[in-house]
Amino acid sequence: MSKPKACILSVAGERLHRDEALFLAQSDPWGVILMGRSVKTRAQVRALVDEIWAALGRACLIFIDQEGGRVRRMRPPEWPDFPAAGVYSDLYEIDRGLGIEAAFLGHRLMACELTPIGIHADCAPVLDLLHPGAHDIVGDRSFGATPEKVAALGSAALEGLAAGGVVGVIKHMPGHGRALADSHESLPVVTADAAEIAIDFEPFSRLSHAPMAMTAHVAYTAIDGDTPATLSRRIINDVIRTRIGFGGLLMSDDLGMNALGGSLAERTRSIFTAGCDIALHCAGFVKSPEMILNEMREVASATPALSGRSLQVAQAAEALALKSEPIDTASAWDRFNELLAIRSEAVA
C-alpha cells in the first residue's frame, strides 16, 4: 500500500466536483480539512465526507476548525451554539471544578455533532495565553491568562473531544498570545525576551502528550530573529520538541496565511525542512473553485510521502479517532446548560 502525502488539504464547496475527486485520488493527502464553504447541513457534510473517502479509497481523517465562539465552521441554526473558551474561563474563576466540568462537557457534546457526519479531528483547543494589549485574534479564544488555568481547561477540552472519538489539535505552538498582529494578514513579531516568553510555552509543556499540535506563524526575536516558528528549525527543534517536549504530530498552521512569504510550493518545502510533520493548506482566502484546486495541486506537488516517525505519529492519531465512550446526550446537555447559566448569572 502506498503511503499518503504528508499534507492536509481542503475542497472548494459543498460537494466534491469531478476534478477534485481525480486530484484527491492522484495526490492522496493524509487528511482533508473542511472550511465554512463546505459546511451547510448535516446531510450535506456527511455526503461530502463519503465522496472524499470514495475518491481516496480510504477513510482519512477529516479535520475542522470548531473551537466554539468566533471560530466555528458548524454554526446555528443547523448546529448548537457552542461557547468560546473565554466562557469556560469565566466559570473557572467562579469555581475551578465547574469550569473544568463545563469545558469537558462542551467538547464532549461537540464531538457528538462531529462524529456522525464523519469528522474525527478538530483544530482545537487553543492553548495561547491571554495577554493584555495583544491583538484580539486570540482574545476570547483563550482559556485565560495563566498557564495553570489554560492547561487545566485545555486538558478538559482535549479529553472531552477524545471521549467522543475526536482527536484534538493543540495550537498555536509555541504561543500566539503576545502577537500584536493577525497572522492571517501579516507576520507578528514578538520582541519579548526569552525569560518573558517562557511562560507562553508552559501550557503546551503541560499538555505535551497531546497527539497533534499546530505551529504559530509568529516570529520570536529572542529565539530566531524574524523567522516564524512554522519555518524555524531552531524553534521546532529547541523549543517545541526539546523544551516543550512535544512528541506528537506537528502540523503547520494554514500555509495560505499572509504571515508567510514566497510561493505555496516554497512554503511547503520550508515547513518540512524546519521539522514539521504535516503541511496544512485551507485556501481560506480564495473563492474560485479552480483557484482553490490549483493551490492544492501546488502544495501537494511539494509534499513528500509520510514516512518514518511522522508516519508513526500520524497513525497513532488516527487510531485514537476510533475510540469513544457512551454518553447520555440529553442529561449531558441539561448539565451543560446548567453550568452555562451559573456563569451567565455571575457575569450579569
C-alpha atoms as a PDB file:
ATOM      1  CA  MET A   1       0.000   0.000   0.000  1.00  0.00           C
ATOM      2  CA  SER A   2       1.378   3.417  -0.941  1.00  0.00           C
ATOM      3  CA  LYS A   3       1.952   6.000   1.772  1.00  0.00           C
ATOM      4  CA  PRO A   4      -0.220   9.138   1.741  1.00  0.00           C
ATOM      5  CA  LYS A   5       1.318  12.543   1.200  1.00  0.00           C
ATOM      6  CA  ALA A   6       2.192  14.495   4.334  1.00  0.00           C
ATOM      7  CA  CYS A   7      -0.460  17.163   3.890  1.00  0.00           C
ATOM      8  CA  ILE A   8      -3.971  18.134   4.915  1.00  0.00           C
ATOM      9  CA  LEU A   9      -5.783  19.802   2.030  1.00  0.00           C
ATOM     10  CA  SER A  10      -9.241  21.268   1.512  1.00  0.00           C
ATOM     11  CA  VAL A  11     -12.073  21.251  -1.016  1.00  0.00           C
ATOM     12  CA  ALA A  12     -13.901  24.077  -2.745  1.00  0.00           C
ATOM     13  CA  GLY A  13     -17.556  23.618  -1.923  1.00  0.00           C
ATOM     14  CA  GLU A  14     -20.475  21.624  -0.606  1.00  0.00           C
ATOM     15  CA  ARG A  15     -19.932  18.637  -2.892  1.00  0.00           C
ATOM     16  CA  LEU A  16     -16.828  17.173  -4.488  1.00  0.00           C
ATOM     17  CA  HIS A  17     -16.548  18.049  -8.148  1.00  0.00           C
ATOM     18  CA  ARG A  18     -15.010  15.683 -10.698  1.00  0.00           C
ATOM     19  CA  ASP A  19     -11.611  17.379 -10.973  1.00  0.00           C
ATOM     20  CA  GLU A  20     -11.246  17.428  -7.194  1.00  0.00           C
ATOM     21  CA  ALA A  21     -12.066  13.736  -6.956  1.00  0.00           C
ATOM     22  CA  LEU A  22      -9.409  12.947  -9.561  1.00  0.00           C
ATOM     23  CA  PHE A  23      -6.891  15.173  -7.779  1.00  0.00           C
ATOM     24  CA  LEU A  24      -7.529  13.521  -4.402  1.00  0.00           C
ATOM     25  CA  ALA A  25      -7.158  10.075  -5.938  1.00  0.00           C
ATOM     26  CA  GLN A  26      -3.853  11.034  -7.559  1.00  0.00           C
ATOM     27  CA  SER A  27      -2.302  13.117  -4.760  1.00  0.00           C
ATOM     28  CA  ASP A  28      -3.562  11.060  -1.778  1.00  0.00           C
ATOM     29  CA  PRO A  29      -3.290  13.654   1.045  1.00  0.00           C
ATOM     30  CA  TRP A  30      -3.166  12.232   4.562  1.00  0.00           C
ATOM     31  CA  GLY A  31      -6.201  14.269   5.631  1.00  0.00           C
ATOM     32  CA  VAL A  32      -8.761  16.819   4.468  1.00  0.00           C
ATOM     33  CA  ILE A  33      -9.989  19.935   6.287  1.00  0.00           C
ATOM     34  CA  LEU A  34     -13.455  21.372   5.739  1.00  0.00           C
ATOM     35  CA  MET A  35     -13.849  25.142   5.630  1.00  0.00           C
ATOM     36  CA  GLY A  36     -17.086  27.088   6.077  1.00  0.00           C
ATOM     37  CA  ARG A  37     -17.719  26.987   2.325  1.00  0.00           C
ATOM     38  CA  SER A  38     -18.147  23.206   2.625  1.00  0.00           C
ATOM     39  CA  VAL A  39     -20.284  23.053   5.778  1.00  0.00           C
ATOM     40  CA  LYS A  40     -24.001  23.799   5.382  1.00  0.00           C
ATOM     41  CA  THR A  41     -26.141  20.918   6.690  1.00  0.00           C
ATOM     42  CA  ARG A  42     -25.584  17.603   8.424  1.00  0.00           C
ATOM     43  CA  ALA A  43     -26.735  15.569   5.450  1.00  0.00           C
ATOM     44  CA  GLN A  44     -24.620  17.619   3.039  1.00  0.00           C
ATOM     45  CA  VAL A  45     -21.428  17.267   5.116  1.00  0.00           C
ATOM     46  CA  ARG A  46     -21.980  13.529   5.567  1.00  0.00           C
ATOM     47  CA  ALA A  47     -22.375  13.141   1.793  1.00  0.00           C
ATOM     48  CA  LEU A  48     -19.268  15.244   1.115  1.00  0.00           C
ATOM     49  CA  VAL A  49     -17.163  13.206   3.532  1.00  0.00           C
ATOM     50  CA  ASP A  50     -18.327   9.995   1.854  1.00  0.00           C
ATOM     51  CA  GLU A  51     -17.343  11.445  -1.521  1.00  0.00           C
ATOM     52  CA  ILE A  52     -13.876  12.380  -0.222  1.00  0.00           C
ATOM     53  CA  TRP A  53     -13.369   8.915   1.228  1.00  0.00           C
ATOM     54  CA  ALA A  54     -14.535   7.285  -2.004  1.00  0.00           C
ATOM     55  CA  ALA A  55     -12.093   9.386  -4.036  1.00  0.00           C
ATOM     56  CA  LEU A  56      -9.201   8.446  -1.735  1.00  0.00           C
ATOM     57  CA  GLY A  57     -10.243   4.835  -1.407  1.00  0.00           C
ATOM     58  CA  ARG A  58      -9.934   5.052   2.389  1.00  0.00           C
ATOM     59  CA  ALA A  59     -11.488   6.774   5.389  1.00  0.00           C
ATOM     60  CA  CYS A  60      -8.953   9.550   6.026  1.00  0.00           C
ATOM     61  CA  LEU A  61      -9.147  11.892   8.999  1.00  0.00           C
ATOM     62  CA  ILE A  62     -11.483  14.806   8.259  1.00  0.00           C
ATOM     63  CA  PHE A  63     -10.478  17.983  10.130  1.00  0.00           C
ATOM     64  CA  ILE A  64     -12.439  21.111  11.001  1.00  0.00           C
ATOM     65  CA  ASP A  65     -11.901  24.332  12.972  1.00  0.00           C
ATOM     66  CA  GLN A  66     -14.595  24.046  15.627  1.00  0.00           C
ATOM     67  CA  GLU A  67     -13.438  25.880  18.726  1.00  0.00           C
ATOM     68  CA  GLY A  68     -16.769  27.470  19.625  1.00  0.00           C
ATOM     69  CA  GLY A  69     -17.422  31.201  19.726  1.00  0.00           C
ATOM     70  CA  ARG A  70     -15.956  33.148  16.804  1.00  0.00           C
ATOM     71  CA  VAL A  71     -14.061  30.251  15.276  1.00  0.00           C
ATOM     72  CA  ARG A  72     -16.532  27.597  14.195  1.00  0.00           C
ATOM     73  CA  ARG A  73     -17.414  26.221  10.800  1.00  0.00           C
ATOM     74  CA  MET A  74     -20.563  24.489  12.066  1.00  0.00           C
ATOM     75  CA  ARG A  75     -22.960  27.252  13.044  1.00  0.00           C
ATOM     76  CA  PRO A  76     -26.530  27.722  14.251  1.00  0.00           C
ATOM     77  CA  PRO A  77     -29.278  27.076  13.389  1.00  0.00           C
ATOM     78  CA  GLU A  78     -28.071  23.773  11.917  1.00  0.00           C
ATOM     79  CA  TRP A  79     -25.730  23.105  14.837  1.00  0.00           C
ATOM     80  CA  PRO A  80     -25.685  24.117  18.527  1.00  0.00           C
ATOM     81  CA  ASP A  81     -24.165  27.432  19.573  1.00  0.00           C
ATOM     82  CA  PHE A  82     -21.077  26.262  21.448  1.00  0.00           C
ATOM     83  CA  PRO A  83     -19.365  28.998  23.508  1.00  0.00           C
ATOM     84  CA  ALA A  84     -15.879  30.451  23.172  1.00  0.00           C
ATOM     85  CA  ALA A  85     -13.082  29.351  25.502  1.00  0.00           C
ATOM     86  CA  GLY A  86     -13.467  32.600  27.444  1.00  0.00           C
ATOM     87  CA  VAL A  87     -16.826  31.391  28.773  1.00  0.00           C
ATOM     88  CA  TYR A  88     -15.158  28.392  30.416  1.00  0.00           C
ATOM     89  CA  SER A  89     -12.509  30.751  31.750  1.00  0.00           C
ATOM     90  CA  ASP A  90     -15.208  32.857  33.434  1.00  0.00           C
ATOM     91  CA  LEU A  91     -16.765  29.804  35.048  1.00  0.00           C
ATOM     92  CA  TYR A  92     -13.349  28.595  36.214  1.00  0.00           C
ATOM     93  CA  GLU A  93     -12.947  31.879  38.108  1.00  0.00           C
ATOM     94  CA  ILE A  94     -16.263  31.229  39.862  1.00  0.00           C
ATOM     95  CA  ASP A  95     -15.412  27.608  40.650  1.00  0.00           C
ATOM     96  CA  ARG A  96     -12.421  25.742  39.250  1.00  0.00           C
ATOM     97  CA  GLY A  97     -14.199  22.395  39.220  1.00  0.00           C
ATOM     98  CA  LEU A  98     -17.262  23.742  37.447  1.00  0.00           C
ATOM     99  CA  GLY A  99     -15.119  25.396  34.784  1.00  0.00           C
ATOM    100  CA  ILE A 100     -13.266  22.148  34.085  1.00  0.00           C
ATOM    101  CA  GLU A 101     -16.520  20.177  34.037  1.00  0.00           C
ATOM    102  CA  ALA A 102     -18.065  22.614  31.568  1.00  0.00           C
ATOM    103  CA  ALA A 103     -15.036  22.529  29.262  1.00  0.00           C
ATOM    104  CA  PHE A 104     -15.152  18.739  29.201  1.00  0.00           C
ATOM    105  CA  LEU A 105     -18.916  18.576  28.630  1.00  0.00           C
ATOM    106  CA  GLY A 106     -18.919  21.287  25.963  1.00  0.00           C
ATOM    107  CA  HIS A 107     -16.288  19.470  23.928  1.00  0.00           C
ATOM    108  CA  ARG A 108     -17.827  16.055  24.567  1.00  0.00           C
ATOM    109  CA  LEU A 109     -21.115  17.357  23.185  1.00  0.00           C
ATOM    110  CA  MET A 110     -19.251  18.969  20.287  1.00  0.00           C
ATOM    111  CA  ALA A 111     -17.892  15.534  19.444  1.00  0.00           C
ATOM    112  CA  CYS A 112     -21.484  14.276  19.364  1.00  0.00           C
ATOM    113  CA  GLU A 113     -22.082  16.708  16.496  1.00  0.00           C
ATOM    114  CA  LEU A 114     -18.846  15.909  14.661  1.00  0.00           C
ATOM    115  CA  THR A 115     -18.578  12.138  14.538  1.00  0.00           C
ATOM    116  CA  PRO A 116     -21.985  11.300  12.979  1.00  0.00           C
ATOM    117  CA  ILE A 117     -21.010  13.364   9.922  1.00  0.00           C
ATOM    118  CA  GLY A 118     -17.579  11.765   9.619  1.00  0.00           C
ATOM    119  CA  ILE A 119     -15.412  14.424  11.293  1.00  0.00           C
ATOM    120  CA  HIS A 120     -12.927  12.931  13.751  1.00  0.00           C
ATOM    121  CA  ALA A 121     -10.272  15.676  14.094  1.00  0.00           C
ATOM    122  CA  ASP A 122     -10.753  19.181  15.490  1.00  0.00           C
ATOM    123  CA  CYS A 123      -8.217  22.019  15.312  1.00  0.00           C
ATOM    124  CA  ALA A 124      -8.814  22.858  18.966  1.00  0.00           C
ATOM    125  CA  PRO A 125      -8.165  23.657  21.760  1.00  0.00           C
ATOM    126  CA  VAL A 126      -6.251  26.950  21.731  1.00  0.00           C
ATOM    127  CA  LEU A 127      -3.550  26.970  24.428  1.00  0.00           C
ATOM    128  CA  ASP A 128      -2.369  30.534  23.792  1.00  0.00           C
ATOM    129  CA  LEU A 129      -2.235  32.726  26.888  1.00  0.00           C
ATOM    130  CA  LEU A 130      -4.346  35.871  27.032  1.00  0.00           C
ATOM    131  CA  HIS A 131      -2.043  38.903  27.166  1.00  0.00           C
ATOM    132  CA  PRO A 132      -3.440  42.416  27.762  1.00  0.00           C
ATOM    133  CA  GLY A 133      -2.837  44.738  24.828  1.00  0.00           C
ATOM    134  CA  ALA A 134      -2.203  41.956  22.313  1.00  0.00           C
ATOM    135  CA  HIS A 135      -4.110  41.648  19.040  1.00  0.00           C
ATOM    136  CA  ASP A 136      -7.600  40.271  19.565  1.00  0.00           C
ATOM    137  CA  ILE A 137      -7.013  37.454  17.066  1.00  0.00           C
ATOM    138  CA  VAL A 138      -6.717  35.340  20.234  1.00  0.00           C
ATOM    139  CA  GLY A 139      -8.944  37.209  22.685  1.00  0.00           C
ATOM    140  CA  ASP A 140     -11.803  35.069  23.960  1.00  0.00           C
ATOM    141  CA  ARG A 141     -10.414  32.070  22.080  1.00  0.00           C
ATOM    142  CA  SER A 142      -8.007  31.774  25.035  1.00  0.00           C
ATOM    143  CA  PHE A 143      -8.848  29.867  28.198  1.00  0.00           C
ATOM    144  CA  GLY A 144      -7.123  32.536  30.279  1.00  0.00           C
ATOM    145  CA  ALA A 145      -4.014  34.417  31.320  1.00  0.00           C
ATOM    146  CA  THR A 146      -2.223  31.811  33.444  1.00  0.00           C
ATOM    147  CA  PRO A 147      -0.595  28.544  32.355  1.00  0.00           C
ATOM    148  CA  GLU A 148      -2.352  26.655  35.139  1.00  0.00           C
ATOM    149  CA  LYS A 149      -5.831  27.697  34.024  1.00  0.00           C
ATOM    150  CA  VAL A 150      -5.178  27.284  30.305  1.00  0.00           C
ATOM    151  CA  ALA A 151      -3.665  23.836  30.785  1.00  0.00           C
ATOM    152  CA  ALA A 152      -6.487  22.670  33.062  1.00  0.00           C
ATOM    153  CA  LEU A 153      -9.262  23.827  30.739  1.00  0.00           C
ATOM    154  CA  GLY A 154      -7.366  22.800  27.608  1.00  0.00           C
ATOM    155  CA  SER A 155      -6.844  19.330  29.031  1.00  0.00           C
ATOM    156  CA  ALA A 156     -10.563  19.024  29.784  1.00  0.00           C
ATOM    157  CA  ALA A 157     -11.370  20.111  26.231  1.00  0.00           C
ATOM    158  CA  LEU A 158      -8.987  17.532  24.748  1.00  0.00           C
ATOM    159  CA  GLU A 159     -10.429  14.821  26.962  1.00  0.00           C
ATOM    160  CA  GLY A 160     -13.997  15.744  26.040  1.00  0.00           C
ATOM    161  CA  LEU A 161     -13.234  15.533  22.330  1.00  0.00           C
ATOM    162  CA  ALA A 162     -11.336  12.262  22.762  1.00  0.00           C
ATOM    163  CA  ALA A 163     -14.174  10.674  24.745  1.00  0.00           C
ATOM    164  CA  GLY A 164     -16.374  11.258  21.712  1.00  0.00           C
ATOM    165  CA  GLY A 165     -13.934   9.853  19.138  1.00  0.00           C
ATOM    166  CA  VAL A 166     -12.433  13.178  18.028  1.00  0.00           C
ATOM    167  CA  VAL A 167      -8.690  13.894  18.106  1.00  0.00           C
ATOM    168  CA  GLY A 168      -7.818  17.438  19.145  1.00  0.00           C
ATOM    169  CA  VAL A 169      -5.020  19.667  17.848  1.00  0.00           C
ATOM    170  CA  ILE A 170      -3.427  21.980  20.422  1.00  0.00           C
ATOM    171  CA  LYS A 171      -2.455  25.360  18.994  1.00  0.00           C
ATOM    172  CA  HIS A 172      -0.630  27.643  18.263  1.00  0.00           C
ATOM    173  CA  MET A 173       2.716  26.300  19.395  1.00  0.00           C
ATOM    174  CA  PRO A 174       4.867  27.681  20.989  1.00  0.00           C
ATOM    175  CA  GLY A 175       2.418  30.545  21.747  1.00  0.00           C
ATOM    176  CA  HIS A 176       0.467  33.151  19.789  1.00  0.00           C
ATOM    177  CA  GLY A 177      -0.855  35.160  22.736  1.00  0.00           C
ATOM    178  CA  ARG A 178       1.652  38.061  22.623  1.00  0.00           C
ATOM    179  CA  ALA A 179       1.157  38.743  18.909  1.00  0.00           C
ATOM    180  CA  LEU A 180       0.343  42.350  18.024  1.00  0.00           C
ATOM    181  CA  ALA A 181      -0.818  41.430  14.522  1.00  0.00           C
ATOM    182  CA  ASP A 182      -3.139  38.894  12.911  1.00  0.00           C
ATOM    183  CA  SER A 183      -1.018  36.231  11.205  1.00  0.00           C
ATOM    184  CA  HIS A 184      -3.740  35.819   8.597  1.00  0.00           C
ATOM    185  CA  GLU A 185      -2.760  39.313   7.407  1.00  0.00           C
ATOM    186  CA  SER A 186       0.926  39.809   8.287  1.00  0.00           C
ATOM    187  CA  LEU A 187       3.773  38.277  10.291  1.00  0.00           C
ATOM    188  CA  PRO A 188       3.513  39.033  14.030  1.00  0.00           C
ATOM    189  CA  VAL A 189       6.920  39.666  15.585  1.00  0.00           C
ATOM    190  CA  VAL A 190       7.213  39.146  19.339  1.00  0.00           C
ATOM    191  CA  THR A 191      10.105  41.113  20.816  1.00  0.00           C
ATOM    192  CA  ALA A 192       9.782  39.948  24.440  1.00  0.00           C
ATOM    193  CA  ASP A 193      12.938  38.460  25.898  1.00  0.00           C
ATOM    194  CA  ALA A 194      13.485  34.751  26.433  1.00  0.00           C
ATOM    195  CA  ALA A 195      12.523  34.857  30.114  1.00  0.00           C
ATOM    196  CA  GLU A 196       9.238  36.619  29.334  1.00  0.00           C
ATOM    197  CA  ILE A 197       8.106  34.305  26.565  1.00  0.00           C
ATOM    198  CA  ALA A 198       8.954  31.189  28.563  1.00  0.00           C
ATOM    199  CA  ILE A 199       5.591  31.475  30.320  1.00  0.00           C
ATOM    200  CA  ASP A 200       3.835  31.123  26.953  1.00  0.00           C
ATOM    201  CA  PHE A 201       5.414  27.692  26.491  1.00  0.00           C
ATOM    202  CA  GLU A 202       4.048  26.324  29.774  1.00  0.00           C
ATOM    203  CA  PRO A 203       0.505  25.337  28.752  1.00  0.00           C
ATOM    204  CA  PHE A 204       1.973  23.394  25.835  1.00  0.00           C
ATOM    205  CA  SER A 205       4.524  21.730  28.114  1.00  0.00           C
ATOM    206  CA  ARG A 206       1.745  20.619  30.439  1.00  0.00           C
ATOM    207  CA  LEU A 207      -0.141  19.094  27.510  1.00  0.00           C
ATOM    208  CA  SER A 208       2.888  17.870  25.575  1.00  0.00           C
ATOM    209  CA  HIS A 209       1.299  14.416  25.485  1.00  0.00           C
ATOM    210  CA  ALA A 210      -1.368  15.670  23.042  1.00  0.00           C
ATOM    211  CA  PRO A 211      -1.466  13.619  19.831  1.00  0.00           C
ATOM    212  CA  MET A 212      -1.373  16.597  17.450  1.00  0.00           C
ATOM    213  CA  ALA A 213      -0.312  20.250  17.534  1.00  0.00           C
ATOM    214  CA  MET A 214      -0.277  23.226  15.177  1.00  0.00           C
ATOM    215  CA  THR A 215       2.527  25.747  14.832  1.00  0.00           C
ATOM    216  CA  ALA A 216       2.251  29.520  15.146  1.00  0.00           C
ATOM    217  CA  HIS A 217       3.080  31.805  12.223  1.00  0.00           C
ATOM    218  CA  VAL A 218       4.789  34.083  14.744  1.00  0.00           C
ATOM    219  CA  ALA A 219       8.433  35.227  14.956  1.00  0.00           C
ATOM    220  CA  TYR A 220      10.186  35.448  18.331  1.00  0.00           C
ATOM    221  CA  THR A 221      13.232  37.700  18.035  1.00  0.00           C
ATOM    222  CA  ALA A 222      14.802  36.302  21.218  1.00  0.00           C
ATOM    223  CA  ILE A 223      14.940  32.834  19.623  1.00  0.00           C
ATOM    224  CA  ASP A 224      15.261  33.096  15.843  1.00  0.00           C
ATOM    225  CA  GLY A 225      15.017  36.692  14.626  1.00  0.00           C
ATOM    226  CA  ASP A 226      12.192  37.309  12.174  1.00  0.00           C
ATOM    227  CA  THR A 227      11.708  33.666  11.146  1.00  0.00           C
ATOM    228  CA  PRO A 228       8.197  32.433  12.022  1.00  0.00           C
ATOM    229  CA  ALA A 229       8.004  29.339  14.214  1.00  0.00           C
ATOM    230  CA  THR A 230       6.444  27.346  11.383  1.00  0.00           C
ATOM    231  CA  LEU A 231       9.602  27.797   9.287  1.00  0.00           C
ATOM    232  CA  SER A 232      12.178  27.784  12.086  1.00  0.00           C
ATOM    233  CA  ARG A 233      14.271  24.673  12.623  1.00  0.00           C
ATOM    234  CA  ARG A 234      15.610  26.270  15.806  1.00  0.00           C
ATOM    235  CA  ILE A 235      12.158  26.857  17.302  1.00  0.00           C
ATOM    236  CA  ILE A 236      10.807  23.460  16.280  1.00  0.00           C
ATOM    237  CA  ASN A 237      13.853  21.518  17.488  1.00  0.00           C
ATOM    238  CA  ASP A 238      14.965  23.544  20.513  1.00  0.00           C
ATOM    239  CA  VAL A 239      11.635  24.842  21.809  1.00  0.00           C
ATOM    240  CA  ILE A 240       8.780  22.649  20.575  1.00  0.00           C
ATOM    241  CA  ARG A 241      10.455  19.259  20.519  1.00  0.00           C
ATOM    242  CA  THR A 242      13.030  19.731  23.300  1.00  0.00           C
ATOM    243  CA  ARG A 243      11.956  22.400  25.775  1.00  0.00           C
ATOM    244  CA  ILE A 244       8.198  21.855  25.493  1.00  0.00           C
ATOM    245  CA  GLY A 245       8.736  18.139  24.952  1.00  0.00           C
ATOM    246  CA  PHE A 246       6.070  17.657  22.303  1.00  0.00           C
ATOM    247  CA  GLY A 247       6.499  14.308  20.587  1.00  0.00           C
ATOM    248  CA  GLY A 248       3.274  14.035  18.595  1.00  0.00           C
ATOM    249  CA  LEU A 249       2.302  15.051  15.082  1.00  0.00           C
ATOM    250  CA  LEU A 250       3.232  18.668  14.337  1.00  0.00           C
ATOM    251  CA  MET A 251       1.312  20.374  11.553  1.00  0.00           C
ATOM    252  CA  SER A 252       1.821  23.834  10.166  1.00  0.00           C
ATOM    253  CA  ASP A 253      -0.821  26.495  10.534  1.00  0.00           C
ATOM    254  CA  ASP A 254      -2.509  27.270   7.205  1.00  0.00           C
ATOM    255  CA  LEU A 255       0.134  27.805   4.520  1.00  0.00           C
ATOM    256  CA  GLY A 256      -2.096  30.308   2.765  1.00  0.00           C
ATOM    257  CA  MET A 257      -1.834  32.918   5.528  1.00  0.00           C
ATOM    258  CA  ASN A 258      -0.061  36.162   4.717  1.00  0.00           C
ATOM    259  CA  ALA A 259       2.417  35.821   7.589  1.00  0.00           C
ATOM    260  CA  LEU A 260       4.491  33.579   5.332  1.00  0.00           C
ATOM    261  CA  GLY A 261       6.390  34.744   2.254  1.00  0.00           C
ATOM    262  CA  GLY A 262       7.231  33.007  -1.006  1.00  0.00           C
ATOM    263  CA  SER A 263       5.133  30.725  -3.181  1.00  0.00           C
ATOM    264  CA  LEU A 264       2.989  27.949  -1.744  1.00  0.00           C
ATOM    265  CA  ALA A 265       5.476  25.386  -3.020  1.00  0.00           C
ATOM    266  CA  GLU A 266       8.354  27.225  -1.314  1.00  0.00           C
ATOM    267  CA  ARG A 267       6.390  27.478   1.921  1.00  0.00           C
ATOM    268  CA  THR A 268       5.568  23.787   1.770  1.00  0.00           C
ATOM    269  CA  ARG A 269       9.168  22.702   1.280  1.00  0.00           C
ATOM    270  CA  SER A 270      10.290  25.074   4.057  1.00  0.00           C
ATOM    271  CA  ILE A 271       7.975  23.655   6.709  1.00  0.00           C
ATOM    272  CA  PHE A 272       9.382  20.158   6.187  1.00  0.00           C
ATOM    273  CA  THR A 273      12.952  21.456   6.271  1.00  0.00           C
ATOM    274  CA  ALA A 274      12.124  23.139   9.580  1.00  0.00           C
ATOM    275  CA  GLY A 275      10.805  19.908  11.084  1.00  0.00           C
ATOM    276  CA  CYS A 276       7.014  19.882  10.694  1.00  0.00           C
ATOM    277  CA  ASP A 277       5.363  16.530  10.040  1.00  0.00           C
ATOM    278  CA  ILE A 278       2.361  17.739   8.032  1.00  0.00           C
ATOM    279  CA  ALA A 279       1.579  20.699   5.769  1.00  0.00           C
ATOM    280  CA  LEU A 280      -1.872  22.247   6.262  1.00  0.00           C
ATOM    281  CA  HIS A 281      -3.460  24.234   3.453  1.00  0.00           C
ATOM    282  CA  CYS A 282      -7.000  25.592   3.635  1.00  0.00           C
ATOM    283  CA  ALA A 283      -7.250  28.180   0.803  1.00  0.00           C
ATOM    284  CA  GLY A 284      -9.325  30.264   3.177  1.00  0.00           C
ATOM    285  CA  PHE A 285      -8.834  33.495   1.242  1.00  0.00           C
ATOM    286  CA  VAL A 286      -9.770  32.029  -2.140  1.00  0.00           C
ATOM    287  CA  LYS A 287     -13.270  31.981  -3.652  1.00  0.00           C
ATOM    288  CA  SER A 288     -12.819  30.395  -7.077  1.00  0.00           C
ATOM    289  CA  PRO A 289     -13.039  26.573  -7.087  1.00  0.00           C
ATOM    290  CA  GLU A 290     -10.483  26.458  -9.891  1.00  0.00           C
ATOM    291  CA  MET A 291      -8.014  28.594  -7.925  1.00  0.00           C
ATOM    292  CA  ILE A 292      -8.564  26.520  -4.798  1.00  0.00           C
ATOM    293  CA  LEU A 293      -7.782  23.339  -6.710  1.00  0.00           C
ATOM    294  CA  ASN A 294      -4.702  24.914  -8.289  1.00  0.00           C
ATOM    295  CA  GLU A 295      -3.398  25.894  -4.836  1.00  0.00           C
ATOM    296  CA  MET A 296      -3.975  22.371  -3.556  1.00  0.00           C
ATOM    297  CA  ARG A 297      -2.051  20.993  -6.535  1.00  0.00           C
ATOM    298  CA  GLU A 298       0.878  23.307  -5.804  1.00  0.00           C
ATOM    299  CA  VAL A 299       1.070  22.253  -2.170  1.00  0.00           C
ATOM    300  CA  ALA A 300       0.706  18.563  -2.992  1.00  0.00           C
ATOM    301  CA  SER A 301       3.443  18.771  -5.626  1.00  0.00           C
ATOM    302  CA  ALA A 302       5.920  19.984  -2.995  1.00  0.00           C
ATOM    303  CA  THR A 303       4.860  17.494  -0.300  1.00  0.00           C
ATOM    304  CA  PRO A 304       6.717  14.233   0.367  1.00  0.00           C
ATOM    305  CA  ALA A 305       5.080  10.961   1.344  1.00  0.00           C
ATOM    306  CA  LEU A 306       4.547  10.365   5.037  1.00  0.00           C
ATOM    307  CA  SER A 307       7.347   8.200   6.339  1.00  0.00           C
ATOM    308  CA  GLY A 308       9.387   7.280   9.383  1.00  0.00           C
ATOM    309  CA  ARG A 309       8.481   8.853  12.697  1.00  0.00           C
ATOM    310  CA  SER A 310       5.984  11.254  11.045  1.00  0.00           C
ATOM    311  CA  LEU A 311       4.031   8.295   9.687  1.00  0.00           C
ATOM    312  CA  GLN A 312       4.058   6.612  13.096  1.00  0.00           C
ATOM    313  CA  VAL A 313       2.613   9.606  14.949  1.00  0.00           C
ATOM    314  CA  ALA A 314       0.046  10.136  12.176  1.00  0.00           C
ATOM    315  CA  GLN A 315      -1.097   6.540  12.510  1.00  0.00           C
ATOM    316  CA  ALA A 316      -1.267   6.928  16.304  1.00  0.00           C
ATOM    317  CA  ALA A 317      -3.553   9.952  15.912  1.00  0.00           C
ATOM    318  CA  GLU A 318      -5.785   8.034  13.515  1.00  0.00           C
ATOM    319  CA  ALA A 319      -6.064   5.159  15.979  1.00  0.00           C
ATOM    320  CA  LEU A 320      -7.301   7.497  18.723  1.00  0.00           C
ATOM    321  CA  ALA A 321     -10.181   8.606  16.495  1.00  0.00           C
ATOM    322  CA  LEU A 322     -11.537   5.062  16.544  1.00  0.00           C
ATOM    323  CA  LYS A 323     -12.196   5.158  20.294  1.00  0.00           C
ATOM    324  CA  SER A 324     -15.241   6.661  22.002  1.00  0.00           C
ATOM    325  CA  GLU A 325     -17.202   6.302  25.219  1.00  0.00           C
ATOM    326  CA  PRO A 326     -21.002   6.151  25.653  1.00  0.00           C
ATOM    327  CA  ILE A 327     -22.878   9.264  26.753  1.00  0.00           C
ATOM    328  CA  ASP A 328     -26.409  10.152  27.814  1.00  0.00           C
ATOM    329  CA  THR A 329     -26.671  13.137  25.488  1.00  0.00           C
ATOM    330  CA  ALA A 330     -29.876  14.609  26.949  1.00  0.00           C
ATOM    331  CA  SER A 331     -28.519  14.534  30.506  1.00  0.00           C
ATOM    332  CA  ALA A 332     -25.197  15.977  29.358  1.00  0.00           C
ATOM    333  CA  TRP A 333     -26.949  18.896  27.648  1.00  0.00           C
ATOM    334  CA  ASP A 334     -29.047  19.542  30.765  1.00  0.00           C
ATOM    335  CA  ARG A 335     -25.937  19.718  32.941  1.00  0.00           C
ATOM    336  CA  PHE A 336     -24.013  21.783  30.394  1.00  0.00           C
ATOM    337  CA  ASN A 337     -26.807  24.362  30.145  1.00  0.00           C
ATOM    338  CA  GLU A 338     -26.999  24.462  33.948  1.00  0.00           C
ATOM    339  CA  LEU A 339     -23.307  25.292  34.114  1.00  0.00           C
ATOM    340  CA  LEU A 340     -23.612  27.996  31.449  1.00  0.00           C
ATOM    341  CA  ALA A 341     -26.482  29.534  33.425  1.00  0.00           C
ATOM    342  CA  ILE A 342     -24.283  29.719  36.544  1.00  0.00           C
ATOM    343  CA  ARG A 343     -21.678  31.603  34.534  1.00  0.00           C
ATOM    344  CA  SER A 344     -24.280  33.956  32.981  1.00  0.00           C
ATOM    345  CA  GLU A 345     -25.756  34.853  36.343  1.00  0.00           C
ATOM    346  CA  ALA A 346     -22.323  35.555  37.796  1.00  0.00           C
ATOM    347  CA  VAL A 347     -21.169  37.888  34.994  1.00  0.00           C
ATOM    348  CA  ALA A 348     -24.513  39.687  34.541  1.00  0.00           C
END
